Amino acid sequence: MSYLNQQLLTIGVVLLAVTLASGKSSKLVMSWKNPSYTGGKKFQRVLALGLSDKTETRADFEDALSAELAAAGVAEAIPGNTILLRPEGTPTDLDYIKGQIRENKIEAVVVSRMVNVKNTVTYIPGVPYAAPFPYYNTFYGYYGAVYPVVYTPGYLKEEKRVRIETNLYAISSHEGELVWTGITDTFNPSNLDKAIKKLVKLVVKQMQSDGAL
């Protein structure tokens, strides 16, 4: 095998590995619907909340989540940033939140929070490569192609996993009753806007599938 062919093979394997890694975006880890919840009516006014200390990120998430809820058929999906004033770095005032939920006649709340972020580095070992069949036709062709078995070099693959918990609460009781919960993993979120859109789409679709919305 020529040096050029070896180089092309190496590049191809590396590109394939990058493609497979970047192809993973968000996946559902688990979901659960409360079997004890007896409310049967469809929620009409749903508040979309994101728990984050970054005001801008939180607002972007809440806007995307409310838009996805509306697309799923929720009559009025309300981003938290439109009715809750939560300046960055200030403590949460539960009485204020309860008052706003009551005044705005919110029937349910979908709230998401980041559980953890995990960074991993994996070593991918080299892979042996055998010569194609035509080289077997002569002894010298076979020996020259197969004896120096070609290996693609190993490489390091870095992966970032962001785990998000999302809960749906019905504001039918004084404290709010848990209706549904789900855990998702998002991998290598290089573009925050795209990662948020894929995440909320996955979560809302699963809530629908589980009969929670």
N, C-alpha and C. Protein backbone atom coordinates (compact mmCIF):
# COMPACT_ATOMS: atom_id res chain seq x y z
N MET A 1 0.85 -1.20 0.00
CA MET A 1 0.00 0.00 0.00
C MET A 1 0.88 1.24 0.00
N SER A 2 0.57 2.20 -0.84
CA SER A 2 1.38 3.41 -0.93
C SER A 2 1.19 4.29 0.29
N TYR A 3 2.16 5.18 0.50
CA TYR A 3 2.07 6.12 1.63
C TYR A 3 0.83 6.99 1.52
N LEU A 4 0.49 7.39 0.26
CA LEU A 4 -0.68 8.24 0.06
C LEU A 4 -1.96 7.50 0.48
N ASN A 5 -2.06 6.21 0.09
CA ASN A 5 -3.25 5.44 0.46
C ASN A 5 -3.36 5.27 1.97
N GLN A 6 -2.19 5.08 2.62
CA GLN A 6 -2.21 4.97 4.08
C GLN A 6 -2.73 6.25 4.72
N GLN A 7 -2.28 7.39 4.19
CA GLN A 7 -2.71 8.68 4.72
C GLN A 7 -4.20 8.89 4.51
N LEU A 8 -4.70 8.53 3.32
CA LEU A 8 -6.13 8.68 3.04
C LEU A 8 -6.96 7.80 3.96
N LEU A 9 -6.47 6.58 4.22
CA LEU A 9 -7.19 5.68 5.12
C LEU A 9 -7.24 6.26 6.52
N THR A 10 -6.10 6.79 6.98
CA THR A 10 -6.04 7.39 8.31
C THR A 10 -7.01 8.56 8.44
N ILE A 11 -7.02 9.44 7.44
CA ILE A 11 -7.91 10.59 7.46
C ILE A 11 -9.36 10.14 7.47
N GLY A 12 -9.68 9.11 6.68
CA GLY A 12 -11.05 8.62 6.61
C GLY A 12 -11.54 8.09 7.94
N VAL A 13 -10.69 7.32 8.64
CA VAL A 13 -11.08 6.76 9.93
C VAL A 13 -11.30 7.87 10.95
N VAL A 14 -10.41 8.86 10.98
CA VAL A 14 -10.54 9.97 11.93
C VAL A 14 -11.81 10.77 11.66
N LEU A 15 -12.09 11.05 10.38
CA LEU A 15 -13.30 11.79 10.04
C LEU A 15 -14.55 11.02 10.43
N LEU A 16 -14.52 9.69 10.24
CA LEU A 16 -15.67 8.87 10.63
C LEU A 16 -15.89 8.96 12.13
N ALA A 17 -14.81 8.92 12.89
CA ALA A 17 -14.93 8.99 14.35
C ALA A 17 -15.51 10.34 14.78
N VAL A 18 -15.06 11.42 14.14
CA VAL A 18 -15.58 12.75 14.47
C VAL A 18 -17.06 12.84 14.13
N THR A 19 -17.44 12.28 12.98
CA THR A 19 -18.84 12.32 12.55
C THR A 19 -19.73 11.57 13.53
N LEU A 20 -19.28 10.40 13.97
CA LEU A 20 -20.07 9.62 14.93
C LEU A 20 -20.21 10.35 16.25
N ALA A 21 -19.14 11.00 16.69
CA ALA A 21 -19.18 11.72 17.97
C ALA A 21 -20.10 12.92 17.88
N SER A 22 -20.01 13.68 16.78
CA SER A 22 -20.81 14.89 16.67
C SER A 22 -22.27 14.57 16.34
N GLY A 23 -22.54 13.33 15.85
CA GLY A 23 -23.90 12.95 15.53
C GLY A 23 -24.76 12.77 16.76
N LYS A 24 -24.13 12.52 17.89
CA LYS A 24 -24.88 12.37 19.13
C LYS A 24 -25.19 13.76 19.67
N SER A 25 -26.44 14.09 19.86
CA SER A 25 -26.77 15.42 20.37
C SER A 25 -27.47 15.30 21.71
N SER A 26 -28.73 14.86 21.71
CA SER A 26 -29.47 14.69 22.94
C SER A 26 -30.18 13.34 22.93
N LYS A 27 -30.25 12.72 24.08
CA LYS A 27 -30.99 11.45 24.17
C LYS A 27 -31.72 11.40 25.50
N LEU A 28 -32.80 10.65 25.52
CA LEU A 28 -33.57 10.46 26.74
C LEU A 28 -32.95 9.35 27.56
N VAL A 29 -32.69 9.61 28.83
CA VAL A 29 -32.15 8.60 29.74
C VAL A 29 -33.29 7.85 30.42
N MET A 30 -34.28 8.58 30.91
CA MET A 30 -35.45 7.97 31.53
C MET A 30 -36.60 8.94 31.57
N SER A 31 -37.82 8.40 31.67
CA SER A 31 -38.99 9.24 31.91
C SER A 31 -39.97 8.44 32.76
N TRP A 32 -40.79 9.16 33.52
CA TRP A 32 -41.73 8.52 34.44
C TRP A 32 -42.95 9.40 34.61
N LYS A 33 -44.12 8.79 34.50
CA LYS A 33 -45.37 9.51 34.73
C LYS A 33 -45.98 9.01 36.03
N ASN A 34 -46.41 9.94 36.86
CA ASN A 34 -46.96 9.62 38.17
C ASN A 34 -48.29 8.87 38.02
N PRO A 35 -48.33 7.59 38.40
CA PRO A 35 -49.58 6.83 38.26
C PRO A 35 -50.66 7.29 39.24
N SER A 36 -50.25 8.04 40.25
CA SER A 36 -51.23 8.51 41.25
C SER A 36 -51.93 9.79 40.83
N TYR A 37 -51.39 10.43 39.78
CA TYR A 37 -52.01 11.68 39.33
C TYR A 37 -53.33 11.37 38.63
N THR A 38 -54.39 11.99 39.10
CA THR A 38 -55.73 11.67 38.59
C THR A 38 -56.34 12.78 37.73
N GLY A 39 -55.65 13.91 37.61
CA GLY A 39 -56.19 15.00 36.79
C GLY A 39 -56.28 14.58 35.34
N GLY A 40 -57.44 14.74 34.75
CA GLY A 40 -57.63 14.24 33.39
C GLY A 40 -57.66 15.32 32.32
N LYS A 41 -57.91 16.55 32.70
CA LYS A 41 -58.08 17.60 31.68
C LYS A 41 -56.74 18.05 31.11
N LYS A 42 -56.78 18.51 29.88
CA LYS A 42 -55.59 19.00 29.21
C LYS A 42 -55.21 20.37 29.75
N PHE A 43 -53.93 20.56 30.04
CA PHE A 43 -53.46 21.85 30.57
C PHE A 43 -53.58 22.92 29.49
N GLN A 44 -54.16 24.08 29.87
CA GLN A 44 -54.34 25.19 28.94
C GLN A 44 -53.30 26.30 29.13
N ARG A 45 -52.92 26.56 30.38
CA ARG A 45 -51.94 27.61 30.67
C ARG A 45 -50.76 26.99 31.40
N VAL A 46 -49.64 26.89 30.69
CA VAL A 46 -48.45 26.20 31.22
C VAL A 46 -47.29 27.18 31.29
N LEU A 47 -46.62 27.20 32.43
CA LEU A 47 -45.47 28.07 32.64
C LEU A 47 -44.19 27.28 32.34
N ALA A 48 -43.32 27.83 31.50
CA ALA A 48 -42.05 27.20 31.15
C ALA A 48 -40.92 27.85 31.95
N LEU A 49 -40.24 27.06 32.77
CA LEU A 49 -39.19 27.60 33.64
C LEU A 49 -37.86 26.89 33.42
N GLY A 50 -36.80 27.66 33.49
CA GLY A 50 -35.45 27.11 33.48
C GLY A 50 -34.74 27.59 34.73
N LEU A 51 -34.08 26.68 35.42
CA LEU A 51 -33.36 27.06 36.64
C LEU A 51 -31.88 27.22 36.30
N SER A 52 -31.43 28.46 36.25
CA SER A 52 -30.04 28.76 35.92
C SER A 52 -29.68 30.10 36.53
N ASP A 53 -28.41 30.25 36.89
CA ASP A 53 -27.97 31.54 37.45
C ASP A 53 -27.60 32.54 36.35
N LYS A 54 -27.69 32.09 35.09
CA LYS A 54 -27.40 32.96 33.95
C LYS A 54 -28.72 33.45 33.36
N THR A 55 -29.01 34.73 33.54
CA THR A 55 -30.29 35.29 33.12
C THR A 55 -30.56 35.10 31.63
N GLU A 56 -29.56 35.37 30.80
CA GLU A 56 -29.76 35.28 29.34
C GLU A 56 -30.00 33.84 28.91
N THR A 57 -29.21 32.91 29.43
CA THR A 57 -29.38 31.50 29.09
C THR A 57 -30.74 30.99 29.54
N ARG A 58 -31.14 31.40 30.73
CA ARG A 58 -32.43 30.99 31.27
C ARG A 58 -33.57 31.50 30.39
N ALA A 59 -33.49 32.75 29.97
CA ALA A 59 -34.54 33.33 29.13
C ALA A 59 -34.61 32.63 27.77
N ASP A 60 -33.45 32.34 27.18
CA ASP A 60 -33.42 31.64 25.89
C ASP A 60 -34.07 30.26 26.02
N PHE A 61 -33.75 29.57 27.12
CA PHE A 61 -34.32 28.25 27.33
C PHE A 61 -35.83 28.32 27.51
N GLU A 62 -36.29 29.26 28.33
CA GLU A 62 -37.72 29.38 28.58
C GLU A 62 -38.49 29.76 27.32
N ASP A 63 -37.91 30.62 26.49
CA ASP A 63 -38.57 30.98 25.23
C ASP A 63 -38.69 29.77 24.30
N ALA A 64 -37.61 28.99 24.22
CA ALA A 64 -37.62 27.82 23.35
C ALA A 64 -38.59 26.76 23.87
N LEU A 65 -38.61 26.55 25.18
CA LEU A 65 -39.50 25.56 25.77
C LEU A 65 -40.97 25.94 25.59
N SER A 66 -41.29 27.21 25.81
CA SER A 66 -42.67 27.65 25.65
C SER A 66 -43.12 27.54 24.19
N ALA A 67 -42.21 27.83 23.26
CA ALA A 67 -42.53 27.71 21.84
C ALA A 67 -42.81 26.26 21.46
N GLU A 68 -42.04 25.35 22.03
CA GLU A 68 -42.23 23.92 21.73
C GLU A 68 -43.53 23.41 22.36
N LEU A 69 -43.85 23.89 23.55
CA LEU A 69 -45.11 23.51 24.20
C LEU A 69 -46.31 24.01 23.38
N ALA A 70 -46.19 25.24 22.87
CA ALA A 70 -47.26 25.79 22.04
C ALA A 70 -47.43 24.97 20.77
N ALA A 71 -46.31 24.57 20.17
CA ALA A 71 -46.37 23.75 18.96
C ALA A 71 -46.99 22.39 19.23
N ALA A 72 -46.89 21.94 20.49
CA ALA A 72 -47.45 20.64 20.87
C ALA A 72 -48.94 20.73 21.21
N GLY A 73 -49.49 21.94 21.17
CA GLY A 73 -50.92 22.08 21.38
C GLY A 73 -51.35 22.75 22.67
N VAL A 74 -50.38 23.20 23.48
CA VAL A 74 -50.73 23.93 24.70
C VAL A 74 -51.28 25.30 24.31
N ALA A 75 -52.49 25.62 24.78
CA ALA A 75 -53.17 26.86 24.36
C ALA A 75 -52.35 28.10 24.68
N GLU A 76 -51.83 28.17 25.91
CA GLU A 76 -51.03 29.32 26.32
C GLU A 76 -49.80 28.82 27.08
N ALA A 77 -48.67 28.82 26.39
CA ALA A 77 -47.38 28.45 26.99
C ALA A 77 -46.63 29.74 27.31
N ILE A 78 -46.33 29.96 28.57
CA ILE A 78 -45.81 31.25 29.03
C ILE A 78 -44.37 31.11 29.50
N PRO A 79 -43.43 31.81 28.88
CA PRO A 79 -42.04 31.78 29.35
C PRO A 79 -41.93 32.43 30.73
N GLY A 80 -41.18 31.82 31.62
CA GLY A 80 -41.05 32.36 32.96
C GLY A 80 -40.53 33.78 33.01
N ASN A 81 -39.67 34.14 32.04
CA ASN A 81 -39.07 35.47 32.06
C ASN A 81 -40.06 36.59 31.78
N THR A 82 -41.29 36.23 31.33
CA THR A 82 -42.27 37.27 31.04
C THR A 82 -43.12 37.63 32.25
N ILE A 83 -43.17 36.76 33.26
CA ILE A 83 -43.99 37.07 34.44
C ILE A 83 -43.21 37.00 35.76
N LEU A 84 -41.99 36.47 35.71
CA LEU A 84 -41.19 36.37 36.92
C LEU A 84 -39.93 37.20 36.78
N LEU A 85 -39.76 38.18 37.66
CA LEU A 85 -38.55 39.00 37.65
C LEU A 85 -37.53 38.33 38.56
N ARG A 86 -36.49 37.77 37.94
CA ARG A 86 -35.47 37.04 38.71
C ARG A 86 -34.09 37.56 38.33
N PRO A 87 -33.71 38.72 38.86
CA PRO A 87 -32.39 39.28 38.54
C PRO A 87 -31.27 38.31 38.90
N GLU A 88 -30.21 38.33 38.09
CA GLU A 88 -29.08 37.44 38.30
C GLU A 88 -28.47 37.67 39.68
N GLY A 89 -28.25 36.57 40.39
CA GLY A 89 -27.59 36.65 41.69
C GLY A 89 -28.50 36.91 42.87
N THR A 90 -29.81 37.05 42.61
CA THR A 90 -30.74 37.32 43.71
C THR A 90 -31.37 36.02 44.19
N PRO A 91 -31.70 35.92 45.48
CA PRO A 91 -32.32 34.70 46.01
C PRO A 91 -33.76 34.54 45.50
N THR A 92 -34.21 33.29 45.51
CA THR A 92 -35.57 33.00 45.06
C THR A 92 -36.59 33.38 46.12
N ASP A 93 -37.64 34.07 45.72
CA ASP A 93 -38.72 34.44 46.63
C ASP A 93 -39.93 33.58 46.30
N LEU A 94 -40.14 32.53 47.07
CA LEU A 94 -41.22 31.59 46.78
C LEU A 94 -42.60 32.24 46.87
N ASP A 95 -42.77 33.14 47.79
CA ASP A 95 -44.06 33.81 47.92
C ASP A 95 -44.39 34.62 46.67
N TYR A 96 -43.37 35.28 46.14
CA TYR A 96 -43.55 36.05 44.91
C TYR A 96 -43.91 35.13 43.74
N ILE A 97 -43.21 34.00 43.63
CA ILE A 97 -43.47 33.05 42.54
C ILE A 97 -44.89 32.48 42.67
N LYS A 98 -45.28 32.11 43.88
CA LYS A 98 -46.63 31.58 44.11
C LYS A 98 -47.69 32.62 43.72
N GLY A 99 -47.43 33.87 44.09
CA GLY A 99 -48.37 34.94 43.77
C GLY A 99 -48.52 35.13 42.27
N GLN A 100 -47.41 35.10 41.54
CA GLN A 100 -47.46 35.28 40.09
C GLN A 100 -48.16 34.11 39.40
N ILE A 101 -47.90 32.91 39.88
CA ILE A 101 -48.56 31.74 39.32
C ILE A 101 -50.06 31.82 39.54
N ARG A 102 -50.45 32.27 40.73
CA ARG A 102 -51.87 32.39 41.05
C ARG A 102 -52.52 33.50 40.22
N GLU A 103 -51.88 34.65 40.15
CA GLU A 103 -52.44 35.79 39.42
C GLU A 103 -52.58 35.51 37.93
N ASN A 104 -51.64 34.75 37.39
CA ASN A 104 -51.67 34.45 35.96
C ASN A 104 -52.42 33.17 35.63
N LYS A 105 -53.08 32.61 36.65
CA LYS A 105 -53.93 31.43 36.46
C LYS A 105 -53.19 30.27 35.77
N ILE A 106 -51.97 30.03 36.22
CA ILE A 106 -51.17 28.95 35.67
C ILE A 106 -51.73 27.61 36.14
N GLU A 107 -51.91 26.68 35.20
CA GLU A 107 -52.44 25.36 35.53
C GLU A 107 -51.35 24.31 35.72
N ALA A 108 -50.20 24.52 35.08
CA ALA A 108 -49.10 23.56 35.18
C ALA A 108 -47.77 24.28 34.96
N VAL A 109 -46.71 23.70 35.49
CA VAL A 109 -45.37 24.26 35.33
C VAL A 109 -44.44 23.18 34.81
N VAL A 110 -43.70 23.48 33.74
CA VAL A 110 -42.63 22.61 33.27
C VAL A 110 -41.32 23.30 33.65
N VAL A 111 -40.51 22.63 34.46
CA VAL A 111 -39.28 23.24 34.97
C VAL A 111 -38.09 22.32 34.72
N SER A 112 -37.00 22.90 34.22
CA SER A 112 -35.80 22.14 33.91
C SER A 112 -34.60 22.69 34.68
N ARG A 113 -33.71 21.80 35.07
CA ARG A 113 -32.47 22.22 35.73
C ARG A 113 -31.33 21.31 35.29
N MET A 114 -30.13 21.85 35.30
CA MET A 114 -28.95 21.06 34.97
C MET A 114 -28.55 20.25 36.20
N VAL A 115 -28.44 18.94 36.05
CA VAL A 115 -28.06 18.07 37.16
C VAL A 115 -26.55 18.03 37.31
N ASN A 116 -25.84 17.78 36.21
CA ASN A 116 -24.37 17.79 36.26
C ASN A 116 -23.79 17.88 34.85
N VAL A 117 -22.49 18.15 34.81
CA VAL A 117 -21.73 18.17 33.56
C VAL A 117 -20.55 17.23 33.74
N LYS A 118 -20.37 16.33 32.79
CA LYS A 118 -19.30 15.36 32.88
C LYS A 118 -18.44 15.42 31.63
N ASN A 119 -17.13 15.58 31.82
CA ASN A 119 -16.19 15.59 30.71
C ASN A 119 -15.38 14.29 30.74
N THR A 120 -15.33 13.60 29.61
CA THR A 120 -14.56 12.36 29.52
C THR A 120 -13.61 12.42 28.34
N VAL A 121 -12.46 11.78 28.49
CA VAL A 121 -11.48 11.65 27.41
C VAL A 121 -11.23 10.16 27.22
N THR A 122 -11.50 9.65 26.02
CA THR A 122 -11.35 8.23 25.72
C THR A 122 -10.27 8.03 24.68
N TYR A 123 -9.39 7.08 24.93
CA TYR A 123 -8.37 6.75 23.93
C TYR A 123 -8.92 5.69 23.00
N ILE A 124 -8.94 5.99 21.70
CA ILE A 124 -9.40 5.05 20.69
C ILE A 124 -8.17 4.41 20.07
N PRO A 125 -7.93 3.11 20.30
CA PRO A 125 -6.71 2.46 19.80
C PRO A 125 -6.70 2.35 18.29
N GLY A 126 -5.52 2.17 17.73
CA GLY A 126 -5.39 1.99 16.29
C GLY A 126 -6.06 0.71 15.83
N VAL A 127 -6.41 0.68 14.53
CA VAL A 127 -7.12 -0.47 13.95
C VAL A 127 -6.27 -1.09 12.85
N PRO A 128 -6.06 -2.43 12.89
CA PRO A 128 -5.28 -3.07 11.82
C PRO A 128 -6.05 -3.05 10.51
N TYR A 129 -5.32 -2.97 9.40
CA TYR A 129 -5.94 -2.94 8.08
C TYR A 129 -5.30 -4.02 7.21
N ALA A 130 -6.11 -4.91 6.65
CA ALA A 130 -5.60 -5.96 5.77
C ALA A 130 -5.74 -5.52 4.31
N ALA A 131 -4.81 -5.96 3.48
CA ALA A 131 -4.84 -5.57 2.07
C ALA A 131 -6.03 -6.22 1.36
N PRO A 132 -6.59 -5.56 0.35
CA PRO A 132 -7.72 -6.13 -0.39
C PRO A 132 -7.32 -7.36 -1.19
N PHE A 133 -8.32 -8.11 -1.65
CA PHE A 133 -8.11 -9.41 -2.26
C PHE A 133 -7.15 -9.45 -3.44
N PRO A 134 -7.16 -8.50 -4.36
CA PRO A 134 -6.27 -8.60 -5.54
C PRO A 134 -4.81 -8.81 -5.19
N TYR A 135 -4.36 -8.38 -4.03
CA TYR A 135 -2.96 -8.53 -3.67
C TYR A 135 -2.61 -10.00 -3.40
N TYR A 136 -3.61 -10.86 -3.25
CA TYR A 136 -3.37 -12.27 -2.93
C TYR A 136 -2.96 -13.06 -4.17
N ASN A 137 -3.08 -12.50 -5.34
CA ASN A 137 -2.87 -13.26 -6.56
C ASN A 137 -1.45 -13.73 -6.75
N THR A 138 -0.46 -13.04 -6.21
CA THR A 138 0.93 -13.46 -6.31
C THR A 138 1.54 -13.49 -4.93
N PHE A 139 2.54 -14.34 -4.75
CA PHE A 139 3.18 -14.46 -3.45
C PHE A 139 3.81 -13.14 -3.02
N TYR A 140 4.57 -12.53 -3.94
CA TYR A 140 5.27 -11.30 -3.55
C TYR A 140 4.28 -10.15 -3.30
N GLY A 141 3.19 -10.15 -4.09
CA GLY A 141 2.16 -9.13 -3.85
C GLY A 141 1.51 -9.32 -2.50
N TYR A 142 1.22 -10.61 -2.19
CA TYR A 142 0.59 -10.92 -0.90
C TYR A 142 1.52 -10.58 0.25
N TYR A 143 2.76 -11.07 0.15
CA TYR A 143 3.72 -10.88 1.24
C TYR A 143 4.00 -9.40 1.45
N GLY A 144 4.19 -8.67 0.36
CA GLY A 144 4.52 -7.26 0.48
C GLY A 144 3.39 -6.42 1.03
N ALA A 145 2.14 -6.85 0.78
CA ALA A 145 0.98 -6.06 1.23
C ALA A 145 0.55 -6.42 2.65
N VAL A 146 0.66 -7.72 3.00
CA VAL A 146 0.09 -8.17 4.26
C VAL A 146 1.11 -8.20 5.40
N TYR A 147 2.35 -8.54 5.11
CA TYR A 147 3.33 -8.66 6.19
C TYR A 147 3.47 -7.38 7.01
N PRO A 148 3.67 -6.24 6.35
CA PRO A 148 3.70 -4.99 7.14
C PRO A 148 2.27 -4.50 7.37
N VAL A 149 1.53 -5.17 8.29
CA VAL A 149 0.13 -4.82 8.51
C VAL A 149 0.02 -3.34 8.86
N VAL A 150 -0.86 -2.67 8.16
CA VAL A 150 -1.00 -1.23 8.32
C VAL A 150 -1.95 -0.94 9.48
N TYR A 151 -1.58 -0.05 10.37
CA TYR A 151 -2.43 0.37 11.49
C TYR A 151 -2.78 1.85 11.34
N THR A 152 -4.06 2.14 11.53
CA THR A 152 -4.42 3.55 11.65
C THR A 152 -4.05 3.98 13.06
N PRO A 153 -3.53 5.17 13.23
CA PRO A 153 -3.06 5.59 14.56
C PRO A 153 -4.20 5.79 15.55
N GLY A 154 -3.90 5.59 16.82
CA GLY A 154 -4.89 5.86 17.87
C GLY A 154 -5.06 7.36 18.04
N TYR A 155 -6.13 7.73 18.72
CA TYR A 155 -6.39 9.15 18.96
C TYR A 155 -7.24 9.30 20.21
N LEU A 156 -7.31 10.53 20.72
CA LEU A 156 -8.11 10.83 21.90
C LEU A 156 -9.43 11.46 21.49
N LYS A 157 -10.52 10.98 22.09
CA LYS A 157 -11.84 11.55 21.82
C LYS A 157 -12.36 12.19 23.10
N GLU A 158 -12.60 13.50 23.03
CA GLU A 158 -13.13 14.22 24.17
C GLU A 158 -14.64 14.36 24.04
N GLU A 159 -15.35 14.14 25.13
CA GLU A 159 -16.81 14.22 25.10
C GLU A 159 -17.32 14.94 26.34
N LYS A 160 -18.25 15.86 26.12
CA LYS A 160 -18.89 16.58 27.21
C LYS A 160 -20.35 16.17 27.28
N ARG A 161 -20.79 15.75 28.46
CA ARG A 161 -22.18 15.33 28.64
C ARG A 161 -22.86 16.23 29.67
N VAL A 162 -23.96 16.85 29.25
CA VAL A 162 -24.74 17.71 30.13
C VAL A 162 -26.05 16.99 30.46
N ARG A 163 -26.28 16.72 31.73
CA ARG A 163 -27.50 16.01 32.16
C ARG A 163 -28.53 17.02 32.67
N ILE A 164 -29.74 16.93 32.13
CA ILE A 164 -30.83 17.84 32.47
C ILE A 164 -32.02 17.06 33.05
N GLU A 165 -32.57 17.58 34.12
CA GLU A 165 -33.79 17.01 34.69
C GLU A 165 -34.95 17.96 34.38
N THR A 166 -36.06 17.40 33.90
CA THR A 166 -37.25 18.20 33.60
C THR A 166 -38.46 17.60 34.31
N ASN A 167 -39.20 18.43 35.01
CA ASN A 167 -40.40 17.99 35.73
C ASN A 167 -41.62 18.77 35.27
N LEU A 168 -42.76 18.10 35.27
CA LEU A 168 -44.05 18.73 34.99
C LEU A 168 -44.90 18.65 36.25
N TYR A 169 -45.35 19.81 36.73
CA TYR A 169 -46.17 19.87 37.94
C TYR A 169 -47.55 20.43 37.60
N ALA A 170 -48.57 19.82 38.16
CA ALA A 170 -49.94 20.35 38.04
C ALA A 170 -50.21 21.24 39.24
N ILE A 171 -50.62 22.49 38.99
CA ILE A 171 -50.89 23.42 40.08
C ILE A 171 -52.35 23.27 40.51
N SER A 172 -52.68 22.04 40.88
CA SER A 172 -54.05 21.77 41.33
C SER A 172 -54.09 21.69 42.85
N SER A 173 -52.96 21.35 43.45
CA SER A 173 -52.87 21.33 44.91
C SER A 173 -52.10 22.57 45.36
N HIS A 174 -52.04 22.78 46.64
CA HIS A 174 -51.38 23.97 47.17
C HIS A 174 -49.90 24.03 46.80
N GLU A 175 -49.23 22.88 46.83
CA GLU A 175 -47.79 22.85 46.57
C GLU A 175 -47.44 22.50 45.13
N GLY A 176 -48.40 21.98 44.36
CA GLY A 176 -48.11 21.55 43.00
C GLY A 176 -47.76 20.07 42.98
N GLU A 177 -48.49 19.27 42.21
CA GLU A 177 -48.31 17.81 42.19
C GLU A 177 -47.46 17.38 40.99
N LEU A 178 -46.47 16.53 41.26
CA LEU A 178 -45.62 16.03 40.19
C LEU A 178 -46.43 15.12 39.27
N VAL A 179 -46.42 15.44 37.97
CA VAL A 179 -47.13 14.65 36.97
C VAL A 179 -46.16 13.77 36.18
N TRP A 180 -45.00 14.35 35.85
CA TRP A 180 -44.05 13.66 34.96
C TRP A 180 -42.64 14.14 35.26
N THR A 181 -41.67 13.25 35.09
CA THR A 181 -40.27 13.65 35.20
C THR A 181 -39.45 12.92 34.15
N GLY A 182 -38.41 13.59 33.66
CA GLY A 182 -37.54 12.98 32.65
C GLY A 182 -36.12 13.45 32.80
N ILE A 183 -35.18 12.58 32.43
CA ILE A 183 -33.76 12.91 32.45
C ILE A 183 -33.22 12.79 31.03
N THR A 184 -32.48 13.81 30.58
CA THR A 184 -31.88 13.78 29.25
C THR A 184 -30.39 14.05 29.35
N ASP A 185 -29.66 13.51 28.39
CA ASP A 185 -28.23 13.81 28.25
C ASP A 185 -28.01 14.52 26.93
N THR A 186 -27.28 15.61 26.97
CA THR A 186 -26.89 16.33 25.76
C THR A 186 -25.38 16.23 25.62
N PHE A 187 -24.92 15.83 24.42
CA PHE A 187 -23.50 15.59 24.20
C PHE A 187 -22.87 16.68 23.35
N ASN A 188 -21.72 17.14 23.80
CA ASN A 188 -20.89 18.08 23.04
C ASN A 188 -21.69 19.27 22.49
N PRO A 189 -22.36 20.02 23.38
CA PRO A 189 -23.20 21.14 22.92
C PRO A 189 -22.36 22.36 22.53
N SER A 190 -21.84 22.35 21.31
CA SER A 190 -20.99 23.46 20.87
C SER A 190 -21.80 24.71 20.55
N ASN A 191 -23.03 24.51 20.08
CA ASN A 191 -23.92 25.63 19.77
C ASN A 191 -25.08 25.59 20.75
N LEU A 192 -25.14 26.55 21.66
CA LEU A 192 -26.11 26.54 22.73
C LEU A 192 -27.55 26.61 22.22
N ASP A 193 -27.81 27.48 21.26
CA ASP A 193 -29.17 27.64 20.73
C ASP A 193 -29.68 26.34 20.12
N LYS A 194 -28.84 25.69 19.30
CA LYS A 194 -29.25 24.43 18.68
C LYS A 194 -29.45 23.34 19.72
N ALA A 195 -28.57 23.32 20.72
CA ALA A 195 -28.68 22.30 21.78
C ALA A 195 -29.98 22.47 22.55
N ILE A 196 -30.34 23.72 22.85
CA ILE A 196 -31.58 23.99 23.59
C ILE A 196 -32.79 23.55 22.77
N LYS A 197 -32.82 23.88 21.49
CA LYS A 197 -33.96 23.54 20.64
C LYS A 197 -34.13 22.02 20.53
N LYS A 198 -33.03 21.31 20.38
CA LYS A 198 -33.12 19.85 20.29
C LYS A 198 -33.58 19.25 21.61
N LEU A 199 -33.10 19.83 22.71
CA LEU A 199 -33.45 19.32 24.03
C LEU A 199 -34.94 19.50 24.31
N VAL A 200 -35.46 20.71 24.10
CA VAL A 200 -36.88 20.95 24.43
C VAL A 200 -37.79 20.14 23.50
N LYS A 201 -37.38 19.96 22.27
CA LYS A 201 -38.18 19.15 21.34
C LYS A 201 -38.25 17.71 21.83
N LEU A 202 -37.12 17.17 22.27
CA LEU A 202 -37.07 15.80 22.78
C LEU A 202 -37.94 15.64 24.03
N VAL A 203 -37.84 16.60 24.95
CA VAL A 203 -38.57 16.52 26.22
C VAL A 203 -40.08 16.63 26.00
N VAL A 204 -40.50 17.60 25.22
CA VAL A 204 -41.94 17.80 24.98
C VAL A 204 -42.53 16.61 24.24
N LYS A 205 -41.80 16.08 23.28
CA LYS A 205 -42.26 14.91 22.53
C LYS A 205 -42.45 13.72 23.47
N GLN A 206 -41.53 13.55 24.42
CA GLN A 206 -41.64 12.43 25.36
C GLN A 206 -42.81 12.63 26.32
N MET A 207 -43.04 13.86 26.76
CA MET A 207 -44.18 14.13 27.62
C MET A 207 -45.49 13.78 26.90
N GLN A 208 -45.56 14.13 25.62
CA GLN A 208 -46.73 13.76 24.83
C GLN A 208 -46.88 12.25 24.70
N SER A 209 -45.76 11.59 24.40
CA SER A 209 -45.77 10.15 24.23
C SER A 209 -46.21 9.43 25.50
N ASP A 210 -45.81 9.98 26.66
CA ASP A 210 -46.16 9.37 27.94
C ASP A 210 -47.55 9.78 28.42
N GLY A 211 -48.23 10.64 27.65
CA GLY A 211 -49.59 11.05 28.01
C GLY A 211 -49.65 12.06 29.14
N ALA A 212 -48.56 12.83 29.31
CA ALA A 212 -48.52 13.82 30.40
C ALA A 212 -49.04 15.17 29.96
N LEU A 213 -49.03 15.45 28.67
CA LEU A 213 -49.51 16.75 28.15
C LEU A 213 -50.87 16.57 27.46
